[in-house]
Amino acid sequence: MPNKLMTMLGGFVLAASAIGSAVAGNPIIKERFTADPATLVHDGVVYLYVGHDEAKEDGDFFVLREWSIYSSENLKDWTLEGAFPRTEFEWAKGDTAWAAQATERDGKFYWYVTVLNDDPAPEKQGFAIGVAVSDDPVNGWKDAIGGPLITADMTESPEFMKDEPWDNIDPTVFIDDDGQAYLYWGNTHLYYARLKDNMTELDSEIHKVDINNMPGTFTEAPWLHKYQDKYYLTFAMNYPEELAYAVSDSPEGPWEYQGLIMDVLPDSGTSHQAVLEFEEQWYLVYHTAALPTGGNYRRSVSIEHLEYNEDGSIQKITPTASGIHYNAKQLQAFSNKEFLTYQGDGAAVAAGEKENYSQLWHLQSLRGEKNTVSFQPEASPGFYLVSENGKLTVSKHDGSDSFIANATFKQVEGLSNSEWSSYHLADKPEVYLVLHEGSLKLSKPSSNEEKEAATFRPSAP
């Protein structure tokens, strides 16, 4: 994780600066649930187009009434610029503002969307692709053609989809160096067609695409980009979904499977990505279920660095709590050479001097108060070290005030070394984190040995 490294500094000062605020790290959008990210760079600004998940906590299907538009000049601070309702497409129905992507051409902006078609003709019913147009990346969006660009009768849907097929979803648009625009889309079946220069009409027949040597099945979420002289097709495969990619010498294929980018996500069967190039850096934008009460239908957008190897292959990515602007830390006990380690299944224990991704923690305050900190395992965004009935476990944030209280620790000068740090429960100043004889517990240290076991040094790995 080269982007996570930083120079090791002194204990207490480093720890205090690493805490940040309650909005630090992933997910990058925290005030609402967001899904199916797409990005567009215009005049030095990154625009993020997302579906707005509004399903209830016990909901059993997607509820998306609108798309949200965010902007950022640094990929750290995001501003909600506006929303675009599904109802702008009068020929569509339901809360079906599904995955979409916007692009720019000749001073105009085109936004390709997934919605459920309300056409009374049986052969046209099912999910369809529409297109909106605007002179601005945020405002003024209107239905460009007054009807769908792609309908169910234009493709041969899988038989199991029956009367309202959903193979015509998840559009991605790519404009090649020669000016030719391509539209890819699909679920179960992957399709593409060329677009005319007006971006609102097809300029070829619809082609069904196979990905060669893929050890699984294409599911959805295609996204095209070009790196050096190769074309890359990223997509979700299998179910629950993994993110994978294929490469080609042409935007029309043939496509050769290359490998996985990201494994199945906790608590989210779907995975959906955008590949972003911004200021000569590459990023993967994706959704998880990491926000409190998140799940299959309540998702949240995050971002990671995307790294290419010298041969053009993409390095596999593990979702992180720290994201791209913060640095995860190891926590070493003063009394020995052991590090706080997350073993999975809720267990946080001591381990020896061994570089292990589970030993990285994102230090972030859920309360945002000065000198408070909460501990997230770096590779388990949304999970926190928390006191439950007097015992420590690592659990998913449930959104409650009691969880926040029990997962918030006050950071103070180390009990055994003033250059290190100790942590007590924010609301119980006498109860400290103690790492002793291979186990982590809450205790009231009194002896010198106990105080050493309650003293830690957060440091870069």
Protein backbone atom coordinates (compact mmCIF):
# COMPACT_ATOMS: atom_id res chain seq x y z
CA MET A 1 0.00 0.00 0.00
CA PRO A 2 2.53 2.64 -1.10
CA ASN A 3 -0.02 5.44 -0.90
CA LYS A 4 -0.62 4.71 2.77
CA LEU A 5 2.96 5.25 3.90
CA MET A 6 4.25 8.36 5.65
CA THR A 7 7.26 9.27 7.76
CA MET A 8 7.07 8.03 11.34
CA LEU A 9 6.66 10.86 13.82
CA GLY A 10 6.45 11.15 17.58
CA GLY A 11 3.59 9.43 19.37
CA PHE A 12 1.11 11.88 20.87
CA VAL A 13 1.57 14.66 18.29
CA LEU A 14 1.23 12.20 15.41
CA ALA A 15 -1.84 10.58 16.87
CA ALA A 16 -3.58 13.87 17.44
CA SER A 17 -2.99 15.01 13.86
CA ALA A 18 -4.12 11.65 12.49
CA ILE A 19 -7.52 11.73 14.12
CA GLY A 20 -9.01 14.23 11.69
CA SER A 21 -12.70 14.95 11.84
CA ALA A 22 -15.83 12.86 11.85
CA VAL A 23 -16.06 13.13 8.06
CA ALA A 24 -12.55 11.83 7.29
CA GLY A 25 -11.94 8.91 4.96
CA ASN A 26 -14.41 6.57 3.26
CA PRO A 27 -17.24 6.74 2.37
CA ILE A 28 -16.73 10.14 0.75
CA ILE A 29 -20.47 10.96 0.87
CA LYS A 30 -21.85 10.57 4.38
CA GLU A 31 -25.00 12.67 4.60
CA ARG A 32 -27.07 10.32 2.42
CA PHE A 33 -26.89 6.91 0.81
CA THR A 34 -25.40 6.93 -2.68
CA ALA A 35 -24.79 4.25 -5.28
CA ASP A 36 -23.62 3.47 -8.82
CA PRO A 37 -21.04 6.28 -9.11
CA ALA A 38 -20.02 7.91 -12.38
CA THR A 39 -17.50 10.73 -12.78
CA LEU A 40 -16.85 13.55 -15.23
CA VAL A 41 -13.96 16.04 -15.20
CA HIS A 42 -14.75 19.52 -16.55
CA ASP A 43 -12.67 22.69 -16.15
CA GLY A 44 -10.61 21.20 -13.35
CA VAL A 45 -13.65 20.05 -11.36
CA VAL A 46 -14.71 16.46 -10.78
CA TYR A 47 -18.46 15.91 -10.99
CA LEU A 48 -19.83 12.82 -9.29
CA TYR A 49 -23.19 11.47 -10.50
CA VAL A 50 -24.79 8.94 -8.16
CA GLY A 51 -28.09 7.25 -7.52
CA HIS A 52 -29.72 8.29 -4.24
CA ASP A 53 -30.68 5.17 -2.27
CA GLU A 54 -33.82 5.84 -0.22
CA ALA A 55 -34.88 2.33 0.81
CA LYS A 56 -35.86 1.92 4.45
CA GLU A 57 -33.57 0.02 6.76
CA ASP A 58 -35.76 -3.07 6.45
CA GLY A 59 -36.42 -2.51 2.73
CA ASP A 60 -36.16 -5.44 0.34
CA PHE A 61 -35.54 -3.66 -2.97
CA PHE A 62 -33.98 -0.56 -4.51
CA VAL A 63 -35.71 2.80 -4.08
CA LEU A 64 -34.07 5.49 -6.19
CA ARG A 65 -36.22 8.51 -7.04
CA GLU A 66 -33.41 10.77 -8.28
CA TRP A 67 -29.77 11.09 -9.16
CA SER A 68 -27.55 13.37 -7.07
CA ILE A 69 -24.73 15.52 -8.44
CA TYR A 70 -21.65 16.34 -6.34
CA SER A 71 -18.55 18.31 -7.21
CA SER A 72 -15.00 18.51 -5.89
CA GLU A 73 -11.77 20.24 -6.81
CA ASN A 74 -9.59 17.98 -4.67
CA LEU A 75 -11.46 14.64 -4.28
CA LYS A 76 -11.64 15.34 -0.54
CA ASP A 77 -14.30 18.01 -0.09
CA TRP A 78 -17.56 17.21 -1.90
CA THR A 79 -20.44 19.63 -2.45
CA LEU A 80 -23.98 18.53 -3.24
CA GLU A 81 -24.78 20.64 -6.31
CA GLY A 82 -28.25 19.39 -7.11
CA ALA A 83 -30.49 16.51 -8.05
CA PHE A 84 -32.16 15.24 -11.21
CA PRO A 85 -35.47 13.41 -10.67
CA ARG A 86 -36.48 10.24 -12.48
CA THR A 87 -39.77 12.00 -13.34
CA GLU A 88 -37.94 14.16 -15.90
CA PHE A 89 -38.31 11.08 -18.13
CA GLU A 90 -42.09 11.16 -18.47
CA TRP A 91 -42.18 7.88 -20.40
CA ALA A 92 -40.60 6.01 -17.46
CA LYS A 93 -42.14 4.81 -14.18
CA GLY A 94 -41.35 3.90 -10.60
CA ASP A 95 -38.49 4.72 -8.28
CA THR A 96 -36.00 3.49 -10.85
CA ALA A 97 -33.24 6.10 -11.14
CA TRP A 98 -30.67 3.35 -11.59
CA ALA A 99 -27.07 3.53 -12.78
CA ALA A 100 -26.16 6.37 -15.16
CA GLN A 101 -23.16 8.15 -16.67
CA ALA A 102 -22.62 11.64 -18.08
CA THR A 103 -20.11 12.86 -20.67
CA GLU A 104 -19.26 16.05 -22.53
CA ARG A 105 -19.09 16.66 -26.26
CA ASP A 106 -18.74 19.91 -28.21
CA GLY A 107 -19.81 22.06 -25.28
CA LYS A 108 -22.87 20.00 -24.37
CA PHE A 109 -23.36 17.38 -21.71
CA TYR A 110 -25.14 14.06 -22.22
CA TRP A 111 -26.38 11.88 -19.37
CA TYR A 112 -27.28 8.24 -20.14
CA VAL A 113 -29.61 6.75 -17.53
CA THR A 114 -31.35 3.53 -16.54
CA VAL A 115 -35.10 3.69 -15.90
CA LEU A 116 -38.11 1.37 -16.11
CA ASN A 117 -40.08 1.89 -19.33
CA ASP A 118 -43.81 2.64 -19.02
CA ASP A 119 -44.58 1.89 -22.68
CA PRO A 120 -47.87 -0.07 -22.95
CA ALA A 121 -46.48 -2.26 -25.73
CA PRO A 122 -45.57 -5.60 -24.10
CA GLU A 123 -42.42 -6.02 -26.16
CA LYS A 124 -41.07 -2.65 -24.95
CA GLN A 125 -41.74 -3.13 -21.26
CA GLY A 126 -38.76 -3.57 -18.99
CA PHE A 127 -35.75 -1.46 -18.16
CA ALA A 128 -34.58 0.98 -20.78
CA ILE A 129 -31.86 3.54 -21.40
CA GLY A 130 -32.69 7.22 -21.78
CA VAL A 131 -30.53 10.25 -22.43
CA ALA A 132 -30.68 13.78 -21.02
CA VAL A 133 -28.89 16.84 -22.38
CA SER A 134 -27.72 20.12 -20.86
CA ASP A 135 -25.37 23.04 -21.47
CA ASP A 136 -24.08 22.65 -17.90
CA PRO A 137 -22.78 19.64 -15.92
CA VAL A 138 -25.18 20.39 -13.04
CA ASN A 139 -28.20 22.44 -14.14
CA GLY A 140 -30.67 22.45 -16.98
CA TRP A 141 -30.91 18.73 -17.68
CA LYS A 142 -33.79 17.76 -20.00
CA ASP A 143 -34.90 14.58 -21.69
CA ALA A 144 -33.03 14.79 -25.01
CA ILE A 145 -35.33 12.71 -27.24
CA GLY A 146 -38.63 12.38 -25.38
CA GLY A 147 -38.37 8.61 -25.23
CA PRO A 148 -35.92 5.77 -24.64
CA LEU A 149 -32.77 5.28 -26.64
CA ILE A 150 -32.66 1.53 -25.90
CA THR A 151 -35.75 -0.60 -25.23
CA ALA A 152 -36.37 -4.25 -24.42
CA ASP A 153 -37.45 -5.16 -27.96
CA MET A 154 -34.04 -4.10 -29.32
CA THR A 155 -32.16 -6.90 -27.51
CA GLU A 156 -32.73 -10.57 -26.83
CA SER A 157 -33.25 -10.70 -23.09
CA PRO A 158 -32.32 -13.75 -21.01
CA GLU A 159 -35.36 -16.01 -20.63
CA PHE A 160 -35.34 -15.89 -16.83
CA MET A 161 -36.02 -12.12 -16.91
CA LYS A 162 -39.52 -12.72 -18.34
CA ASP A 163 -41.95 -9.78 -18.76
CA GLU A 164 -39.89 -6.87 -17.38
CA PRO A 165 -36.31 -7.70 -18.40
CA TRP A 166 -33.39 -5.79 -16.91
CA ASP A 167 -30.63 -6.59 -19.39
CA ASN A 168 -30.74 -3.01 -20.74
CA ILE A 169 -29.25 -1.22 -17.72
CA ASP A 170 -25.99 0.41 -16.59
CA PRO A 171 -25.00 2.51 -19.62
CA THR A 172 -21.41 3.69 -19.98
CA VAL A 173 -20.30 6.05 -22.73
CA PHE A 174 -16.79 6.38 -24.13
CA ILE A 175 -15.51 8.78 -26.78
CA ASP A 176 -12.37 7.53 -28.51
CA ASP A 177 -9.46 9.67 -29.67
CA ASP A 178 -10.86 9.76 -33.22
CA GLY A 179 -14.17 11.20 -31.96
CA GLN A 180 -16.20 8.01 -32.30
CA ALA A 181 -18.54 7.53 -29.34
CA TYR A 182 -19.51 4.11 -27.98
CA LEU A 183 -22.30 3.07 -25.65
CA TYR A 184 -21.85 -0.12 -23.61
CA TRP A 185 -24.50 -1.49 -21.27
CA GLY A 186 -26.06 -4.66 -19.94
CA ASN A 187 -26.93 -7.15 -17.23
CA THR A 188 -26.18 -10.84 -17.83
CA HIS A 189 -25.78 -9.90 -21.50
CA LEU A 190 -23.20 -7.26 -22.41
CA TYR A 191 -24.01 -5.00 -25.38
CA TYR A 192 -22.46 -2.12 -27.29
CA ALA A 193 -23.30 0.18 -30.19
CA ARG A 194 -21.66 3.16 -31.79
CA LEU A 195 -23.30 6.56 -31.31
CA LYS A 196 -23.78 9.30 -33.89
CA ASP A 197 -22.07 12.63 -33.38
CA ASN A 198 -25.32 14.04 -31.95
CA MET A 199 -24.95 11.50 -29.07
CA THR A 200 -28.69 10.77 -29.09
CA GLU A 201 -28.92 8.17 -31.88
CA LEU A 202 -27.29 4.82 -32.50
CA ASP A 203 -24.92 4.64 -35.45
CA SER A 204 -24.62 0.86 -35.69
CA GLU A 205 -26.45 -2.33 -34.90
CA ILE A 206 -26.38 -3.54 -31.32
CA HIS A 207 -23.61 -6.07 -30.71
CA LYS A 208 -23.67 -8.72 -27.99
CA VAL A 209 -20.22 -9.04 -26.41
CA ASP A 210 -18.39 -12.03 -24.98
CA ILE A 211 -15.36 -11.66 -22.72
CA ASN A 212 -12.78 -14.30 -23.55
CA ASN A 213 -11.38 -16.60 -20.86
CA MET A 214 -13.51 -15.15 -18.07
CA PRO A 215 -13.70 -17.54 -15.06
CA GLY A 216 -17.28 -16.62 -14.27
CA THR A 217 -20.17 -14.72 -15.76
CA PHE A 218 -20.64 -11.07 -16.68
CA THR A 219 -23.22 -9.43 -14.43
CA GLU A 220 -23.40 -5.65 -14.96
CA ALA A 221 -21.69 -2.24 -14.48
CA PRO A 222 -19.49 -1.96 -17.59
CA TRP A 223 -17.13 1.04 -17.71
CA LEU A 224 -14.68 1.85 -20.52
CA HIS A 225 -11.44 3.79 -20.27
CA LYS A 226 -8.14 3.97 -22.10
CA TYR A 227 -4.69 3.71 -20.54
CA GLN A 228 -1.65 4.17 -22.72
CA ASP A 229 -2.47 2.27 -25.93
CA LYS A 230 -4.93 -0.23 -24.45
CA TYR A 231 -8.69 -0.14 -23.88
CA TYR A 232 -9.95 -1.34 -20.51
CA LEU A 233 -13.41 -2.69 -19.75
CA THR A 234 -14.14 -2.90 -16.03
CA PHE A 235 -17.32 -4.64 -14.87
CA ALA A 236 -19.09 -6.60 -12.14
CA MET A 237 -19.05 -10.37 -12.48
CA ASN A 238 -20.82 -13.24 -10.70
CA TYR A 239 -23.12 -12.68 -7.68
CA PRO A 240 -22.48 -11.49 -5.05
CA GLU A 241 -20.51 -9.27 -7.36
CA GLU A 242 -16.76 -8.98 -7.80
CA LEU A 243 -15.14 -6.23 -9.86
CA ALA A 244 -13.03 -7.45 -12.77
CA TYR A 245 -11.49 -6.14 -15.97
CA ALA A 246 -10.64 -7.07 -19.54
CA VAL A 247 -8.43 -5.39 -22.15
CA SER A 248 -8.52 -4.94 -25.90
CA ASP A 249 -6.72 -3.16 -28.73
CA SER A 250 -10.05 -1.67 -29.83
CA PRO A 251 -13.12 -0.23 -28.07
CA GLU A 252 -15.11 -2.80 -30.06
CA GLY A 253 -13.15 -5.77 -28.71
CA PRO A 254 -12.36 -8.61 -28.70
CA TRP A 255 -11.97 -8.46 -24.92
CA GLU A 256 -9.56 -10.65 -22.97
CA TYR A 257 -10.21 -11.20 -19.28
CA GLN A 258 -7.32 -10.04 -17.07
CA GLY A 259 -8.33 -10.51 -13.44
CA LEU A 260 -10.11 -9.16 -10.39
CA ILE A 261 -9.92 -5.57 -9.20
CA MET A 262 -11.97 -6.00 -6.02
CA ASP A 263 -13.49 -8.91 -4.11
CA VAL A 264 -17.10 -9.24 -2.96
CA LEU A 265 -18.06 -6.42 -0.58
CA PRO A 266 -19.44 -7.04 2.93
CA ASP A 267 -23.22 -6.42 3.17
CA SER A 268 -23.61 -5.47 -0.50
CA GLY A 269 -24.38 -8.00 -3.20
CA THR A 270 -23.85 -5.37 -5.89
CA SER A 271 -20.67 -3.60 -6.86
CA HIS A 272 -20.44 -0.70 -9.29
CA GLN A 273 -17.40 1.34 -10.26
CA ALA A 274 -16.14 4.34 -12.17
CA VAL A 275 -12.53 4.74 -13.26
CA LEU A 276 -11.35 8.32 -12.89
CA GLU A 277 -8.25 10.08 -14.16
CA PHE A 278 -7.68 13.41 -12.43
CA GLU A 279 -4.52 15.51 -12.34
CA GLU A 280 -2.46 12.64 -13.79
CA GLN A 281 -3.60 10.20 -11.09
CA TRP A 282 -5.99 7.26 -11.47
CA TYR A 283 -8.77 6.34 -9.04
CA LEU A 284 -11.47 3.73 -8.59
CA VAL A 285 -14.79 5.13 -7.35
CA TYR A 286 -17.20 2.47 -6.08
CA HIS A 287 -19.99 1.85 -3.61
CA THR A 288 -20.05 -0.15 -0.39
CA ALA A 289 -22.48 -0.65 2.48
CA ALA A 290 -20.16 1.03 5.01
CA LEU A 291 -22.42 3.80 6.33
CA PRO A 292 -24.38 3.08 9.52
CA THR A 293 -27.48 0.95 8.71
CA GLY A 294 -26.09 0.43 5.19
CA GLY A 295 -26.84 -2.67 3.18
CA ASN A 296 -27.86 -4.02 -0.22
CA TYR A 297 -30.28 -1.15 -0.83
CA ARG A 298 -28.54 1.55 1.25
CA ARG A 299 -25.12 1.99 -0.30
CA SER A 300 -22.36 4.58 -0.03
CA VAL A 301 -19.70 5.82 -2.45
CA SER A 302 -15.98 5.51 -1.68
CA ILE A 303 -12.73 6.09 -3.56
CA GLU A 304 -9.31 4.42 -3.76
CA HIS A 305 -6.11 4.89 -5.71
CA LEU A 306 -5.95 2.74 -8.84
CA GLU A 307 -2.44 1.55 -9.67
CA TYR A 308 -1.12 0.03 -12.91
CA ASN A 309 1.85 -2.29 -13.06
CA GLU A 310 4.57 -1.78 -15.66
CA ASP A 311 2.89 -4.30 -17.96
CA GLY A 312 -0.41 -2.37 -17.81
CA SER A 313 -2.16 -4.78 -15.46
CA ILE A 314 -4.24 -3.29 -12.64
CA GLN A 315 -3.28 -3.95 -9.04
CA LYS A 316 -6.02 -5.50 -6.96
CA ILE A 317 -7.71 -3.10 -4.54
CA THR A 318 -8.92 -3.69 -1.00
CA PRO A 319 -11.58 -1.22 0.21
CA THR A 320 -10.18 1.00 2.94
CA ALA A 321 -11.55 3.12 5.75
CA SER A 322 -8.86 5.78 5.27
CA GLY A 323 -9.45 6.35 1.55
CA ILE A 324 -7.01 8.45 -0.48
CA HIS A 325 -6.31 11.41 1.83
CA TYR A 326 -5.58 9.79 5.17
CA ASN A 327 -3.06 7.28 6.45
CA ALA A 328 -3.90 4.21 8.48
CA LYS A 329 -1.79 3.50 11.57
CA GLN A 330 -0.44 0.58 13.51
CA LEU A 331 -0.92 0.65 17.29
CA GLN A 332 2.02 -0.78 19.21
CA ALA A 333 1.89 -1.43 22.94
CA PHE A 334 4.60 0.22 25.05
CA SER A 335 5.13 -2.85 27.20
CA ASN A 336 6.07 -5.19 24.34
CA LYS A 337 6.47 -5.39 20.58
CA GLU A 338 2.91 -6.44 19.90
CA PHE A 339 0.48 -4.61 17.65
CA LEU A 340 -3.26 -4.30 17.88
CA THR A 341 -4.62 -6.70 15.25
CA TYR A 342 -8.08 -7.29 13.83
CA GLN A 343 -8.58 -11.00 13.18
CA GLY A 344 -12.10 -10.79 11.79
CA ASP A 345 -15.35 -12.01 13.35
CA GLY A 346 -15.24 -9.16 15.85
CA ALA A 347 -11.97 -10.16 17.52
CA ALA A 348 -9.23 -7.59 18.17
CA VAL A 349 -6.10 -9.08 19.75
CA ALA A 350 -2.37 -8.56 20.14
CA ALA A 351 0.07 -9.89 17.55
CA GLY A 352 3.83 -9.80 17.11
CA GLU A 353 6.01 -7.71 14.81
CA LYS A 354 4.51 -8.75 11.52
CA GLU A 355 3.32 -6.54 8.70
CA ASN A 356 -0.27 -7.50 8.19
CA TYR A 357 -3.08 -5.50 6.61
CA SER A 358 -5.31 -6.35 9.57
CA GLN A 359 -2.91 -4.42 11.82
CA LEU A 360 -3.77 -1.12 10.13
CA TRP A 361 -6.38 1.10 11.79
CA HIS A 362 -8.07 4.27 10.61
CA LEU A 363 -8.17 6.74 13.48
CA GLN A 364 -11.28 8.85 13.16
CA SER A 365 -13.53 10.43 15.74
CA LEU A 366 -17.20 9.55 15.42
CA ARG A 367 -18.01 12.54 17.59
CA GLY A 368 -15.56 14.91 15.97
CA GLU A 369 -14.58 16.31 19.36
CA LYS A 370 -11.03 17.42 20.08
CA ASN A 371 -8.71 14.64 21.27
CA THR A 372 -11.27 11.90 20.74
CA VAL A 373 -10.76 8.96 18.45
CA SER A 374 -12.58 5.89 17.15
CA PHE A 375 -10.79 2.87 15.72
CA GLN A 376 -11.77 1.32 12.37
CA PRO A 377 -9.89 -1.67 10.96
CA GLU A 378 -8.50 -0.28 7.71
CA ALA A 379 -9.80 -3.18 5.63
CA SER A 380 -13.27 -3.18 7.24
CA PRO A 381 -14.82 0.24 6.56
CA GLY A 382 -17.86 0.92 8.74
CA PHE A 383 -16.73 -1.40 11.55
CA TYR A 384 -15.40 0.00 14.83
CA LEU A 385 -13.75 -1.12 18.03
CA VAL A 386 -16.60 -0.77 20.52
CA SER A 387 -17.38 -1.55 24.13
CA GLU A 388 -20.36 -3.90 24.38
CA ASN A 389 -21.43 -4.90 27.88
CA GLY A 390 -17.99 -4.06 29.20
CA LYS A 391 -16.15 -6.13 26.59
CA LEU A 392 -14.43 -5.04 23.40
CA THR A 393 -15.50 -6.21 19.98
CA VAL A 394 -15.33 -4.95 16.40
CA SER A 395 -18.86 -4.30 15.12
CA LYS A 396 -20.69 -2.53 12.32
CA HIS A 397 -21.82 0.98 13.27
CA ASP A 398 -25.59 0.73 13.83
CA GLY A 399 -26.24 4.48 13.75
CA SER A 400 -27.23 4.76 17.40
CA ASP A 401 -26.02 7.32 19.92
CA SER A 402 -25.07 4.52 22.26
CA PHE A 403 -22.81 2.95 19.64
CA ILE A 404 -21.08 6.30 19.07
CA ALA A 405 -20.56 6.73 22.82
CA ASN A 406 -19.14 3.22 23.23
CA ALA A 407 -16.87 3.55 20.19
CA THR A 408 -15.42 6.95 21.14
CA PHE A 409 -12.23 7.12 23.17
CA LYS A 410 -10.47 10.11 24.71
CA GLN A 411 -6.82 10.31 23.75
CA VAL A 412 -4.54 11.41 26.58
CA GLU A 413 -0.85 11.50 27.36
CA GLY A 414 0.56 8.00 27.73
CA LEU A 415 0.28 6.64 31.28
CA SER A 416 3.83 5.26 31.05
CA ASN A 417 5.42 7.52 28.47
CA SER A 418 4.42 11.10 27.78
CA GLU A 419 5.48 10.80 24.13
CA TRP A 420 3.06 7.92 23.58
CA SER A 421 -0.73 7.83 24.04
CA SER A 422 -3.35 6.18 26.18
CA TYR A 423 -7.07 5.87 25.38
CA HIS A 424 -9.99 5.75 27.78
CA LEU A 425 -13.70 5.56 27.03
CA ALA A 426 -14.82 9.12 26.39
CA ASP A 427 -17.63 8.87 28.93
CA LYS A 428 -15.71 6.71 31.43
CA PRO A 429 -12.35 8.38 32.07
CA GLU A 430 -11.19 5.67 34.45
CA VAL A 431 -11.60 2.82 31.87
CA TYR A 432 -8.67 2.39 29.46
CA LEU A 433 -7.73 0.21 26.51
CA VAL A 434 -5.22 -2.34 27.81
CA LEU A 435 -3.20 -4.77 25.69
CA HIS A 436 -1.96 -7.47 28.06
CA GLU A 437 -0.75 -11.04 27.52
CA GLY A 438 -2.05 -11.19 23.97
CA SER A 439 -5.54 -9.84 24.60
CA LEU A 440 -7.18 -6.44 24.40
CA LYS A 441 -9.52 -5.44 27.20
CA LEU A 442 -11.00 -2.52 29.11
CA SER A 443 -9.48 -2.00 32.54
CA LYS A 444 -8.61 0.48 35.27
CA PRO A 445 -4.79 0.34 35.28
CA SER A 446 -3.12 0.88 38.63
CA SER A 447 0.23 -0.94 38.62
CA ASN A 448 3.18 0.13 36.48
CA GLU A 449 2.77 -3.05 34.41
CA GLU A 450 -0.88 -2.26 33.73
CA LYS A 451 -0.06 1.35 32.82
CA GLU A 452 2.55 0.17 30.33
CA ALA A 453 -0.02 -2.16 28.80
CA ALA A 454 -2.38 0.83 28.43
CA THR A 455 0.20 2.96 26.57
CA PHE A 456 0.39 2.88 22.78
CA ARG A 457 2.23 4.43 19.86
CA PRO A 458 0.27 5.02 16.67
CA SER A 459 2.73 4.93 13.78
CA ALA A 460 2.96 4.45 10.04
CA PRO A 461 3.59 0.83 9.03
